[in-house]
Amino acid sequence: MKYVLIDDERMAVEHLKVLLLKTGKIKEQDLVSFTNPMDAIHYIEKEKPQVVFADIEMPMVSGITLASRVRSSCPGIEVVFVTAHKQYAVEAFEQYALDYLLKPLVLERVKKTVERIEERLKEKSVVSPMDSPKILIKLMGDAGTFKDGMMLDYKWRSGKVRELFVFLLHNRHRFVSKYEIFEALIPEEDPEKSSATLNMILYRLRNKLQQHDLPIVIKFQDDAYKLVYPDEVQVDVDLWEQHLKTTPIITESNLSTCLNYMALAEGPYLKNLDYPWLADQHEIYQEKYLERLRKIGDFYFNHRYYEDALEIYRKVYKEEPLHEWLNIRLLEIMGLLRNERGRIHLFEEMKETYEALGVPLPSAVLDFYNKQS
């Protein structure tokens, strides 16, 4: 693993190097230092290191500009800013920096940064959407299978073949009895005819998987079926659930990772597939997605990144316009941003929405708006 250190002052970059080595957790051969930020950019774009320490104030290009540029070629790179001025910290975190160090550097503070780096890299090693699996099956948003980054075109001739594949994916963690499949997919057939129909559908589905060279097997056991696949095949819902379990709280150190997972999970579960057996599942996953959005919005709001908070809360509002607490929070942010025109427009929009749905505007929302005026 490589760490890139960038500071236009040679003594400063050497001092940082010494402190990192003193932590006892980084080897000298893993450190690469530069005093010319442009040379550093070229190295980063070519070698794709995991972590970069960048001084913010450099004559050729600022550390913040450098971080923005290298993220386009290394989207998973972690950035630690180094600065002599604390006021740059807020701007640093707007770039989703992992951490920032204030000069003069001290060993104990550097140790904390290294621990934070270890925590982030460990979190990524579990599973990260930035390191896409060889085969990714998406069930959130537009369903599809991506192999080496390219979406496969199954060219489904039969809707039942596709539905069985989706049904087995939906129940991928257990064996599903053939009678459960009958009830969900072939409800009007008699048992004997249903078995024949199911065998034909299974035959076509197995052929479809083989045509696309997918290492997915339909295992049969005790009159039940289950999809079996190796670790190279990942399902977005599993990645999402694992992320929620391992990262329940949003912090400065994991915000960037949380945003990456939001991009992975964006979109309703099995969008545009209106199978009867899916009726309750759309709402279950949608609520998890919206709850995560609310937590990110809360993080931004509590750290006074009001414009970012407004953008996130707006996404929730689009899905839950009658959420009283959210109505008040949006109006509050408009007030904090001193956007009077936007505040008035938002309130009128809320009133119209409530009226259109035949629901009275909550008195708490009206009272809050009037107190702001």
Protein backbone atom coordinates (compact mmCIF):
# COMPACT_ATOMS: atom_id res chain seq x y z
CA MET A 1 0.00 0.00 0.00
CA LYS A 2 1.34 3.43 -0.97
CA TYR A 3 1.05 6.74 0.87
CA VAL A 4 1.82 9.93 -1.07
CA LEU A 5 3.08 12.97 0.87
CA ILE A 6 2.92 16.39 -0.83
CA ASP A 7 4.26 19.68 0.50
CA ASP A 8 6.17 22.38 -1.38
CA GLU A 9 8.53 22.69 1.61
CA ARG A 10 11.05 19.86 1.76
CA MET A 11 11.51 20.14 5.54
CA ALA A 12 7.76 19.91 6.09
CA VAL A 13 7.32 16.78 3.99
CA GLU A 14 10.32 15.12 5.66
CA HIS A 15 8.95 15.96 9.11
CA LEU A 16 5.62 14.35 8.21
CA LYS A 17 7.46 11.30 6.92
CA VAL A 18 9.36 10.92 10.20
CA LEU A 19 6.18 11.17 12.26
CA LEU A 20 4.37 8.59 10.13
CA LEU A 21 7.26 6.16 10.55
CA LYS A 22 7.26 6.77 14.32
CA THR A 23 3.68 5.53 14.53
CA GLY A 24 5.11 2.08 13.85
CA LYS A 25 2.26 1.25 11.48
CA ILE A 26 3.72 2.45 8.18
CA LYS A 27 6.84 1.17 6.44
CA GLU A 28 9.33 3.53 4.79
CA GLN A 29 9.06 1.77 1.42
CA ASP A 30 5.35 2.58 1.38
CA LEU A 31 5.95 6.35 1.54
CA VAL A 32 6.45 8.46 -1.59
CA SER A 33 7.05 12.20 -1.15
CA PHE A 34 6.85 15.17 -3.51
CA THR A 35 7.53 18.90 -3.27
CA ASN A 36 6.10 19.51 -6.76
CA PRO A 37 2.32 18.94 -6.71
CA MET A 38 2.14 18.45 -10.49
CA ASP A 39 4.67 15.61 -10.28
CA ALA A 40 2.56 14.16 -7.49
CA ILE A 41 -0.61 14.34 -9.60
CA HIS A 42 1.06 12.47 -12.45
CA TYR A 43 2.31 9.80 -10.05
CA ILE A 44 -1.11 9.39 -8.41
CA GLU A 45 -2.93 9.11 -11.75
CA LYS A 46 -0.50 6.42 -12.89
CA GLU A 47 0.13 4.41 -9.71
CA LYS A 48 -3.30 4.72 -7.99
CA PRO A 49 -2.11 4.91 -4.34
CA GLN A 50 -4.57 4.44 -1.47
CA VAL A 51 -3.80 7.55 0.63
CA VAL A 52 -2.47 11.06 -0.02
CA PHE A 53 -1.35 13.68 2.52
CA ALA A 54 -1.50 17.09 0.84
CA ASP A 55 -0.55 20.52 2.12
CA ILE A 56 -3.40 22.91 1.37
CA GLU A 57 -1.31 26.02 0.67
CA MET A 58 1.05 25.39 -2.25
CA PRO A 59 2.04 27.93 -4.92
CA MET A 60 1.45 25.84 -8.06
CA VAL A 61 -1.84 24.22 -7.10
CA SER A 62 -3.68 24.11 -3.78
CA GLY A 63 -4.12 20.83 -1.98
CA ILE A 64 -7.90 21.12 -2.32
CA THR A 65 -7.65 21.54 -6.10
CA LEU A 66 -5.20 18.66 -6.24
CA ALA A 67 -7.58 16.42 -4.29
CA SER A 68 -10.47 17.28 -6.59
CA ARG A 69 -8.39 16.41 -9.65
CA VAL A 70 -6.96 13.10 -8.47
CA ARG A 71 -10.38 11.87 -7.37
CA SER A 72 -11.48 11.85 -11.00
CA SER A 73 -8.83 9.23 -11.78
CA CYS A 74 -8.72 7.58 -8.33
CA PRO A 75 -12.29 7.84 -6.99
CA GLY A 76 -11.52 5.67 -3.97
CA ILE A 77 -8.43 7.55 -2.81
CA GLU A 78 -8.35 8.83 0.77
CA VAL A 79 -7.15 12.40 1.38
CA VAL A 80 -5.64 13.92 4.50
CA PHE A 81 -5.09 17.67 4.32
CA VAL A 82 -2.23 19.41 6.12
CA THR A 83 -2.53 23.12 6.92
CA ALA A 84 -1.25 25.82 9.25
CA HIS A 85 -4.65 27.53 9.30
CA LYS A 86 -7.67 25.99 11.02
CA GLN A 87 -10.16 27.92 8.90
CA TYR A 88 -9.29 25.68 5.97
CA ALA A 89 -10.71 22.68 7.82
CA VAL A 90 -14.30 23.30 6.73
CA GLU A 91 -13.31 23.65 3.09
CA ALA A 92 -11.26 20.49 3.47
CA PHE A 93 -14.22 18.46 4.65
CA GLU A 94 -16.33 19.81 1.82
CA GLN A 95 -13.94 17.78 -0.31
CA TYR A 96 -14.85 14.75 1.86
CA ALA A 97 -11.35 14.53 3.30
CA LEU A 98 -10.67 11.67 5.64
CA ASP A 99 -8.92 14.00 8.10
CA TYR A 100 -6.85 17.16 8.40
CA LEU A 101 -3.66 17.90 10.35
CA LEU A 102 -2.75 21.29 11.75
CA LYS A 103 0.84 22.49 11.64
CA PRO A 104 3.02 22.24 13.62
CA LEU A 105 2.45 18.49 13.47
CA VAL A 106 2.67 16.42 16.65
CA LEU A 107 3.08 12.67 16.90
CA GLU A 108 -0.04 11.93 18.95
CA ARG A 109 -2.29 13.70 16.44
CA VAL A 110 -0.63 11.91 13.52
CA LYS A 111 -1.21 8.60 15.29
CA LYS A 112 -4.94 9.34 15.44
CA THR A 113 -4.97 10.07 11.72
CA VAL A 114 -3.21 6.78 10.96
CA GLU A 115 -5.77 4.95 13.10
CA ARG A 116 -8.54 6.65 11.16
CA ILE A 117 -6.90 5.56 7.90
CA GLU A 118 -6.70 1.97 9.14
CA GLU A 119 -10.37 2.07 10.13
CA ARG A 120 -11.42 3.37 6.72
CA LEU A 121 -9.32 0.85 4.77
CA LYS A 122 -10.63 -1.97 6.94
CA GLU A 123 -14.17 -0.81 6.25
CA LYS A 124 -13.48 -0.79 2.53
CA SER A 125 -11.93 -4.25 2.65
CA VAL A 126 -15.27 -5.70 3.78
CA VAL A 127 -16.92 -4.71 0.50
CA SER A 128 -16.80 -1.43 -1.34
CA PRO A 129 -18.86 -0.37 -4.36
CA MET A 130 -15.76 1.53 -5.52
CA ASP A 131 -14.08 -1.82 -6.10
CA SER A 132 -16.79 -3.33 -8.26
CA PRO A 133 -17.14 -7.11 -8.16
CA LYS A 134 -16.54 -8.98 -11.41
CA ILE A 135 -20.27 -9.68 -11.65
CA LEU A 136 -22.76 -7.33 -9.99
CA ILE A 137 -26.47 -8.09 -9.97
CA LYS A 138 -28.56 -4.98 -9.38
CA LEU A 139 -31.97 -5.28 -7.79
CA MET A 140 -32.25 -1.67 -6.64
CA GLY A 141 -33.26 0.74 -9.36
CA ASP A 142 -33.29 -0.73 -12.86
CA ALA A 143 -32.65 -4.46 -12.39
CA GLY A 144 -29.77 -5.87 -14.40
CA THR A 145 -26.57 -7.91 -14.37
CA PHE A 146 -23.22 -6.20 -14.88
CA LYS A 147 -20.22 -8.27 -15.96
CA ASP A 148 -16.84 -6.48 -15.92
CA GLY A 149 -18.76 -3.20 -15.78
CA MET A 150 -20.95 -3.93 -18.83
CA MET A 151 -24.69 -4.57 -18.52
CA LEU A 152 -25.76 -7.90 -20.01
CA ASP A 153 -28.67 -8.04 -22.42
CA TYR A 154 -30.51 -11.27 -21.64
CA LYS A 155 -32.98 -10.78 -24.50
CA TRP A 156 -35.72 -12.45 -22.49
CA ARG A 157 -38.19 -14.17 -24.82
CA SER A 158 -40.39 -15.36 -22.00
CA GLY A 159 -41.61 -13.19 -19.17
CA LYS A 160 -41.85 -16.27 -16.95
CA VAL A 161 -38.17 -17.10 -17.41
CA ARG A 162 -37.23 -13.62 -16.30
CA GLU A 163 -39.70 -13.71 -13.43
CA LEU A 164 -38.31 -17.01 -12.14
CA PHE A 165 -34.77 -15.58 -12.23
CA VAL A 166 -35.91 -12.51 -10.29
CA PHE A 167 -37.93 -14.68 -7.87
CA LEU A 168 -34.91 -16.88 -7.11
CA LEU A 169 -32.70 -13.80 -6.74
CA HIS A 170 -35.20 -12.29 -4.34
CA ASN A 171 -35.07 -15.50 -2.28
CA ARG A 172 -31.35 -16.13 -2.88
CA HIS A 173 -30.53 -16.90 0.76
CA ARG A 174 -32.82 -19.92 1.04
CA PHE A 175 -34.22 -22.90 -0.82
CA VAL A 176 -37.65 -22.23 -2.30
CA SER A 177 -40.04 -25.16 -2.62
CA LYS A 178 -41.49 -25.86 -6.03
CA TYR A 179 -44.97 -25.40 -4.55
CA GLU A 180 -44.07 -21.87 -3.48
CA ILE A 181 -42.90 -21.23 -7.04
CA PHE A 182 -46.16 -22.67 -8.36
CA GLU A 183 -48.18 -20.33 -6.16
CA ALA A 184 -46.15 -17.25 -7.10
CA LEU A 185 -45.58 -17.84 -10.81
CA ILE A 186 -47.99 -20.52 -12.05
CA PRO A 187 -51.06 -20.19 -9.81
CA GLU A 188 -53.67 -21.41 -12.27
CA GLU A 189 -52.04 -24.66 -13.37
CA ASP A 190 -52.78 -28.09 -11.90
CA PRO A 191 -49.77 -29.65 -10.03
CA GLU A 192 -48.77 -32.00 -12.85
CA LYS A 193 -48.96 -29.34 -15.51
CA SER A 194 -47.23 -26.84 -13.21
CA SER A 195 -44.28 -29.21 -12.80
CA ALA A 196 -43.92 -29.55 -16.56
CA THR A 197 -44.14 -25.78 -17.03
CA LEU A 198 -41.59 -25.16 -14.27
CA ASN A 199 -39.14 -27.67 -15.77
CA MET A 200 -39.38 -25.92 -19.13
CA ILE A 201 -38.80 -22.49 -17.52
CA LEU A 202 -35.84 -23.84 -15.52
CA TYR A 203 -34.34 -25.36 -18.68
CA ARG A 204 -34.53 -22.03 -20.50
CA LEU A 205 -33.14 -20.09 -17.52
CA ARG A 206 -30.15 -22.45 -17.17
CA ASN A 207 -29.45 -22.04 -20.88
CA LYS A 208 -29.65 -18.25 -20.54
CA LEU A 209 -27.11 -18.25 -17.68
CA GLN A 210 -24.78 -20.51 -19.66
CA GLN A 211 -25.05 -18.32 -22.77
CA HIS A 212 -23.68 -15.38 -20.80
CA ASP A 213 -21.02 -17.52 -19.10
CA LEU A 214 -22.35 -16.70 -15.64
CA PRO A 215 -21.12 -18.92 -12.77
CA ILE A 216 -24.62 -19.15 -11.33
CA VAL A 217 -26.13 -22.58 -10.69
CA ILE A 218 -29.72 -23.46 -9.86
CA LYS A 219 -29.40 -26.07 -7.16
CA PHE A 220 -32.21 -28.60 -6.59
CA GLN A 221 -32.70 -30.25 -3.19
CA ASP A 222 -35.74 -31.82 -1.52
CA ASP A 223 -38.17 -30.44 -4.12
CA ALA A 224 -36.77 -26.93 -3.65
CA TYR A 225 -34.54 -24.58 -5.64
CA LYS A 226 -31.83 -22.05 -4.82
CA LEU A 227 -29.36 -19.92 -6.77
CA VAL A 228 -25.77 -20.78 -5.89
CA TYR A 229 -22.87 -18.58 -6.98
CA PRO A 230 -19.22 -17.84 -6.02
CA ASP A 231 -17.86 -14.72 -4.30
CA GLU A 232 -17.13 -13.08 -7.65
CA VAL A 233 -20.88 -12.59 -7.99
CA GLN A 234 -22.34 -9.89 -5.73
CA VAL A 235 -25.88 -8.57 -5.33
CA ASP A 236 -26.27 -4.86 -4.65
CA VAL A 237 -28.87 -5.40 -1.92
CA ASP A 238 -26.43 -7.61 0.00
CA LEU A 239 -23.71 -4.95 -0.28
CA TRP A 240 -26.20 -2.33 0.89
CA GLU A 241 -27.44 -4.38 3.86
CA GLN A 242 -23.87 -5.18 4.90
CA HIS A 243 -22.93 -1.51 4.73
CA LEU A 244 -25.88 -0.49 6.91
CA LYS A 245 -24.93 -3.16 9.44
CA THR A 246 -21.22 -2.27 9.61
CA THR A 247 -21.68 1.52 9.39
CA PRO A 248 -24.79 2.43 11.38
CA ILE A 249 -23.53 5.91 12.33
CA ILE A 250 -22.36 8.53 9.82
CA THR A 251 -19.16 10.33 10.78
CA GLU A 252 -16.61 12.60 9.16
CA SER A 253 -14.38 9.59 8.54
CA ASN A 254 -16.95 7.41 6.77
CA LEU A 255 -19.08 10.04 4.99
CA SER A 256 -17.40 9.49 1.62
CA THR A 257 -18.00 5.74 1.80
CA CYS A 258 -21.64 6.29 2.83
CA LEU A 259 -22.20 8.52 -0.19
CA ASN A 260 -20.72 5.86 -2.47
CA TYR A 261 -23.16 3.29 -1.12
CA MET A 262 -26.05 5.70 -1.55
CA ALA A 263 -25.18 5.87 -5.24
CA LEU A 264 -25.16 2.05 -5.34
CA ALA A 265 -28.56 1.78 -3.65
CA GLU A 266 -30.32 4.66 -5.35
CA GLY A 267 -33.63 3.66 -6.85
CA PRO A 268 -36.63 1.57 -5.73
CA TYR A 269 -36.21 -2.16 -5.22
CA LEU A 270 -36.81 -3.95 -8.54
CA LYS A 271 -38.08 -0.79 -10.17
CA ASN A 272 -40.71 -1.25 -12.89
CA LEU A 273 -41.29 -4.93 -12.01
CA ASP A 274 -44.85 -5.21 -10.73
CA TYR A 275 -44.99 -8.87 -9.73
CA PRO A 276 -47.73 -9.64 -7.15
CA TRP A 277 -45.30 -11.43 -4.82
CA LEU A 278 -43.21 -8.22 -4.66
CA ALA A 279 -46.00 -6.07 -3.25
CA ASP A 280 -44.53 -5.40 0.19
CA GLN A 281 -40.85 -5.42 -0.73
CA HIS A 282 -40.78 -2.10 -2.58
CA GLU A 283 -41.76 -0.19 0.57
CA ILE A 284 -39.36 -2.10 2.86
CA TYR A 285 -36.25 -1.19 0.90
CA GLN A 286 -37.47 2.30 0.06
CA GLU A 287 -37.85 3.09 3.77
CA LYS A 288 -34.29 1.89 4.47
CA TYR A 289 -33.01 4.10 1.66
CA LEU A 290 -34.93 7.17 2.87
CA GLU A 291 -33.84 6.61 6.47
CA ARG A 292 -30.22 6.60 5.35
CA LEU A 293 -30.79 9.78 3.38
CA ARG A 294 -32.25 11.41 6.49
CA LYS A 295 -29.17 10.45 8.51
CA ILE A 296 -26.84 11.96 5.91
CA GLY A 297 -28.98 15.09 5.87
CA ASP A 298 -28.75 15.22 9.68
CA PHE A 299 -24.96 14.90 9.49
CA TYR A 300 -24.71 17.83 7.09
CA PHE A 301 -27.15 19.90 9.12
CA ASN A 302 -25.38 19.27 12.43
CA HIS A 303 -22.05 20.24 10.83
CA ARG A 304 -23.63 23.38 9.34
CA TYR A 305 -23.28 22.30 5.72
CA TYR A 306 -26.73 23.69 5.10
CA GLU A 307 -26.74 23.66 1.30
CA ASP A 308 -25.69 19.99 1.25
CA ALA A 309 -28.31 19.21 3.90
CA LEU A 310 -30.97 20.98 1.82
CA GLU A 311 -30.10 18.88 -1.24
CA ILE A 312 -30.34 15.62 0.71
CA TYR A 313 -33.52 16.51 2.60
CA ARG A 314 -35.10 17.57 -0.70
CA LYS A 315 -34.68 14.00 -1.98
CA VAL A 316 -36.52 12.69 1.06
CA TYR A 317 -39.20 15.38 0.73
CA LYS A 318 -39.85 14.31 -2.85
CA GLU A 319 -40.88 10.88 -1.55
CA GLU A 320 -42.42 11.99 1.78
CA PRO A 321 -43.93 15.47 1.25
CA LEU A 322 -46.30 15.11 4.24
CA HIS A 323 -43.54 14.50 6.77
CA GLU A 324 -44.14 17.26 9.35
CA TRP A 325 -40.65 17.23 10.89
CA LEU A 326 -39.08 17.35 7.45
CA ASN A 327 -41.29 20.28 6.41
CA ILE A 328 -40.06 22.27 9.39
CA ARG A 329 -36.42 21.32 8.87
CA LEU A 330 -36.51 22.46 5.23
CA LEU A 331 -38.02 25.81 6.22
CA GLU A 332 -35.40 26.13 8.96
CA ILE A 333 -32.56 25.60 6.49
CA MET A 334 -33.98 28.19 4.12
CA GLY A 335 -33.96 30.63 7.02
CA LEU A 336 -30.39 29.77 7.98
CA LEU A 337 -29.32 30.29 4.36
CA ARG A 338 -31.15 33.65 4.42
CA ASN A 339 -33.00 32.60 1.28
CA GLU A 340 -36.29 34.42 1.88
CA ARG A 341 -37.59 33.95 -1.64
CA GLY A 342 -36.79 30.22 -1.50
CA ARG A 343 -38.45 29.94 1.93
CA ILE A 344 -41.68 31.53 0.71
CA HIS A 345 -41.69 29.42 -2.46
CA LEU A 346 -41.09 26.24 -0.45
CA PHE A 347 -43.94 27.04 1.95
CA GLU A 348 -46.33 27.68 -0.93
CA GLU A 349 -45.24 24.41 -2.48
CA MET A 350 -45.99 22.60 0.79
CA LYS A 351 -49.45 24.19 1.06
CA GLU A 352 -50.30 23.16 -2.51
CA THR A 353 -49.16 19.61 -1.86
CA TYR A 354 -51.28 19.24 1.28
CA GLU A 355 -54.29 20.80 -0.45
CA ALA A 356 -53.92 18.53 -3.49
CA LEU A 357 -53.97 15.49 -1.23
CA GLY A 358 -56.91 16.81 0.77
CA VAL A 359 -54.88 16.97 4.00
CA PRO A 360 -54.78 20.07 6.24
CA LEU A 361 -51.42 21.76 6.64
CA PRO A 362 -50.05 20.84 10.11
CA SER A 363 -50.36 23.72 12.56
CA ALA A 364 -46.75 23.13 13.69
CA VAL A 365 -45.52 23.83 10.14
CA LEU A 366 -47.66 26.98 9.84
CA ASP A 367 -46.58 28.22 13.28
CA PHE A 368 -42.90 27.69 12.48
CA TYR A 369 -43.22 29.51 9.17
CA ASN A 370 -44.98 32.47 10.81
CA LYS A 371 -42.33 32.70 13.55
CA GLN A 372 -39.64 32.89 10.87
CA SER A 373 -41.39 35.71 9.04
